[in-house]
């Protein structure tokens, strides 16, 4: 059985979702291309700010000319924690950890 509420929300959100992906994939942000990596980080920060994270932090790489990392923290009431990581030149996101209480 299809969850029509979730389906409708996804359908309405699709144009915005595709627009964000277009912004990300149209940036030359290969490894160590600091300007490109930072441009992707700026797009992601704008998107994450819309959903009110606990904190957002840009963390410079050892060589700041190579760009920065992005740390976004959400606080919840659940018992688990999930960390997602993205390699910014591919924008591939995956779950890398799930553990006990925070």
C-alpha atoms as a PDB file:
ATOM      1  CA  UNK A   1       0.000   0.000   0.000  1.00  0.00           C
ATOM      2  CA  UNK A   2       1.396   3.377  -1.019  1.00  0.00           C
ATOM      3  CA  UNK A   3       1.774   6.062   1.646  1.00  0.00           C
ATOM      4  CA  UNK A   4      -0.042   8.795  -0.291  1.00  0.00           C
ATOM      5  CA  UNK A   5       0.957  11.567   2.109  1.00  0.00           C
ATOM      6  CA  UNK A   6       4.661  10.772   1.751  1.00  0.00           C
ATOM      7  CA  UNK A   7       4.293  10.177  -1.993  1.00  0.00           C
ATOM      8  CA  UNK A   8       2.573  13.558  -2.484  1.00  0.00           C
ATOM      9  CA  UNK A   9       5.247  15.343  -0.436  1.00  0.00           C
ATOM     10  CA  UNK A  10       7.999  13.736  -2.528  1.00  0.00           C
ATOM     11  CA  UNK A  11       6.200  14.597  -5.754  1.00  0.00           C
ATOM     12  CA  UNK A  12       5.839  18.260  -4.728  1.00  0.00           C
ATOM     13  CA  UNK A  13       9.485  18.391  -3.604  1.00  0.00           C
ATOM     14  CA  UNK A  14      10.919  16.826  -6.763  1.00  0.00           C
ATOM     15  CA  UNK A  15      11.512  20.059  -8.745  1.00  0.00           C
ATOM     16  CA  UNK A  16      13.436  21.632  -5.835  1.00  0.00           C
ATOM     17  CA  UNK A  17      15.365  18.399  -5.277  1.00  0.00           C
ATOM     18  CA  UNK A  18      16.372  18.220  -8.951  1.00  0.00           C
ATOM     19  CA  UNK A  19      17.366  21.903  -8.883  1.00  0.00           C
ATOM     20  CA  UNK A  20      19.730  21.324  -5.944  1.00  0.00           C
ATOM     21  CA  UNK A  21      21.325  18.335  -7.689  1.00  0.00           C
ATOM     22  CA  UNK A  22      21.772  20.431 -10.851  1.00  0.00           C
ATOM     23  CA  UNK A  23      23.580  23.058  -8.796  1.00  0.00           C
ATOM     24  CA  UNK A  24      25.844  20.404  -7.254  1.00  0.00           C
ATOM     25  CA  UNK A  25      26.740  18.467 -10.393  1.00  0.00           C
ATOM     26  CA  UNK A  26      27.401  21.606 -12.424  1.00  0.00           C
ATOM     27  CA  UNK A  27      30.277  22.669 -10.159  1.00  0.00           C
ATOM     28  CA  UNK A  28      33.819  21.628 -11.073  1.00  0.00           C
ATOM     29  CA  UNK A  29      34.736  20.286  -7.662  1.00  0.00           C
ATOM     30  CA  UNK A  30      37.296  17.567  -8.244  1.00  0.00           C
ATOM     31  CA  UNK A  31      39.575  16.515  -5.428  1.00  0.00           C
ATOM     32  CA  UNK A  32      41.658  19.427  -4.156  1.00  0.00           C
ATOM     33  CA  UNK A  33      39.741  21.965  -6.260  1.00  0.00           C
ATOM     34  CA  UNK A  34      39.139  24.199  -3.263  1.00  0.00           C
ATOM     35  CA  UNK A  35      37.013  26.810  -4.995  1.00  0.00           C
ATOM     36  CA  UNK A  36      34.699  24.141  -6.389  1.00  0.00           C
ATOM     37  CA  UNK A  37      34.519  22.183  -3.151  1.00  0.00           C
ATOM     38  CA  UNK A  38      33.693  25.354  -1.215  1.00  0.00           C
ATOM     39  CA  UNK A  39      31.000  26.235  -3.790  1.00  0.00           C
ATOM     40  CA  UNK A  40      29.374  22.831  -3.210  1.00  0.00           C
ATOM     41  CA  UNK A  41      29.630  23.316   0.557  1.00  0.00           C
ATOM     42  CA  UNK A  42      27.881  26.692   0.223  1.00  0.00           C
ATOM     43  CA  UNK A  43      24.982  25.089  -1.700  1.00  0.00           C
ATOM     44  CA  UNK A  44      24.681  22.366   0.930  1.00  0.00           C
ATOM     45  CA  UNK A  45      24.765  24.887   3.770  1.00  0.00           C
ATOM     46  CA  UNK A  46      21.873  26.840   2.192  1.00  0.00           C
ATOM     47  CA  UNK A  47      19.865  23.621   1.900  1.00  0.00           C
ATOM     48  CA  UNK A  48      20.652  22.368   5.408  1.00  0.00           C
ATOM     49  CA  UNK A  49      19.775  25.761   6.925  1.00  0.00           C
ATOM     50  CA  UNK A  50      16.214  25.247   5.643  1.00  0.00           C
ATOM     51  CA  UNK A  51      15.746  22.303   8.012  1.00  0.00           C
ATOM     52  CA  UNK A  52      17.203  23.941  11.133  1.00  0.00           C
ATOM     53  CA  UNK A  53      20.184  21.836  12.170  1.00  0.00           C
ATOM     54  CA  UNK A  54      21.673  22.108  15.641  1.00  0.00           C
ATOM     55  CA  UNK A  55      24.903  23.386  14.103  1.00  0.00           C
ATOM     56  CA  UNK A  56      26.724  23.816  10.796  1.00  0.00           C
ATOM     57  CA  UNK A  57      30.487  24.080  10.659  1.00  0.00           C
ATOM     58  CA  UNK A  58      32.945  24.562   7.816  1.00  0.00           C
ATOM     59  CA  UNK A  59      36.210  22.846   8.699  1.00  0.00           C
ATOM     60  CA  UNK A  60      39.206  23.876   6.583  1.00  0.00           C
ATOM     61  CA  UNK A  61      41.311  21.101   5.105  1.00  0.00           C
ATOM     62  CA  UNK A  62      44.935  20.917   6.196  1.00  0.00           C
ATOM     63  CA  UNK A  63      45.722  23.010   3.120  1.00  0.00           C
ATOM     64  CA  UNK A  64      42.871  25.573   3.031  1.00  0.00           C
ATOM     65  CA  UNK A  65      43.382  26.038  -0.717  1.00  0.00           C
ATOM     66  CA  UNK A  66      41.940  22.511  -1.095  1.00  0.00           C
ATOM     67  CA  UNK A  67      38.590  23.573   0.322  1.00  0.00           C
ATOM     68  CA  UNK A  68      36.802  22.560   3.461  1.00  0.00           C
ATOM     69  CA  UNK A  69      34.800  19.800   5.100  1.00  0.00           C
ATOM     70  CA  UNK A  70      31.220  20.326   6.206  1.00  0.00           C
ATOM     71  CA  UNK A  71      29.876  19.141   9.549  1.00  0.00           C
ATOM     72  CA  UNK A  72      26.118  19.372  10.093  1.00  0.00           C
ATOM     73  CA  UNK A  73      24.709  18.228  13.432  1.00  0.00           C
ATOM     74  CA  UNK A  74      21.088  17.434  14.237  1.00  0.00           C
ATOM     75  CA  UNK A  75      19.916  16.665  17.762  1.00  0.00           C
ATOM     76  CA  UNK A  76      17.105  14.230  18.326  1.00  0.00           C
ATOM     77  CA  UNK A  77      15.493  12.205  21.039  1.00  0.00           C
ATOM     78  CA  UNK A  78      16.243   8.791  19.566  1.00  0.00           C
ATOM     79  CA  UNK A  79      18.694   6.258  20.948  1.00  0.00           C
ATOM     80  CA  UNK A  80      20.779   5.855  17.814  1.00  0.00           C
ATOM     81  CA  UNK A  81      23.033   8.066  15.813  1.00  0.00           C
ATOM     82  CA  UNK A  82      23.556   8.110  12.094  1.00  0.00           C
ATOM     83  CA  UNK A  83      26.437   9.737  10.312  1.00  0.00           C
ATOM     84  CA  UNK A  84      26.277  10.436   6.615  1.00  0.00           C
ATOM     85  CA  UNK A  85      29.369  11.432   4.711  1.00  0.00           C
ATOM     86  CA  UNK A  86      29.703  12.933   1.275  1.00  0.00           C
ATOM     87  CA  UNK A  87      32.700  13.050  -0.987  1.00  0.00           C
ATOM     88  CA  UNK A  88      32.023  16.477  -2.422  1.00  0.00           C
ATOM     89  CA  UNK A  89      33.322  15.794  -5.919  1.00  0.00           C
ATOM     90  CA  UNK A  90      30.711  13.071  -6.401  1.00  0.00           C
ATOM     91  CA  UNK A  91      28.027  14.163  -3.925  1.00  0.00           C
ATOM     92  CA  UNK A  92      27.592  10.498  -3.030  1.00  0.00           C
ATOM     93  CA  UNK A  93      26.046  10.104   0.393  1.00  0.00           C
ATOM     94  CA  UNK A  94      25.933   6.900   2.395  1.00  0.00           C
ATOM     95  CA  UNK A  95      25.294   5.800   5.926  1.00  0.00           C
ATOM     96  CA  UNK A  96      28.606   4.994   7.589  1.00  0.00           C
ATOM     97  CA  UNK A  97      27.711   4.486  11.230  1.00  0.00           C
ATOM     98  CA  UNK A  98      24.832   3.611  13.461  1.00  0.00           C
ATOM     99  CA  UNK A  99      25.503   3.166  17.137  1.00  0.00           C
ATOM    100  CA  UNK A 100      23.974   3.322  20.595  1.00  0.00           C
ATOM    101  CA  UNK A 101      22.995   6.371  22.647  1.00  0.00           C
ATOM    102  CA  UNK A 102      24.705   9.666  21.992  1.00  0.00           C
END
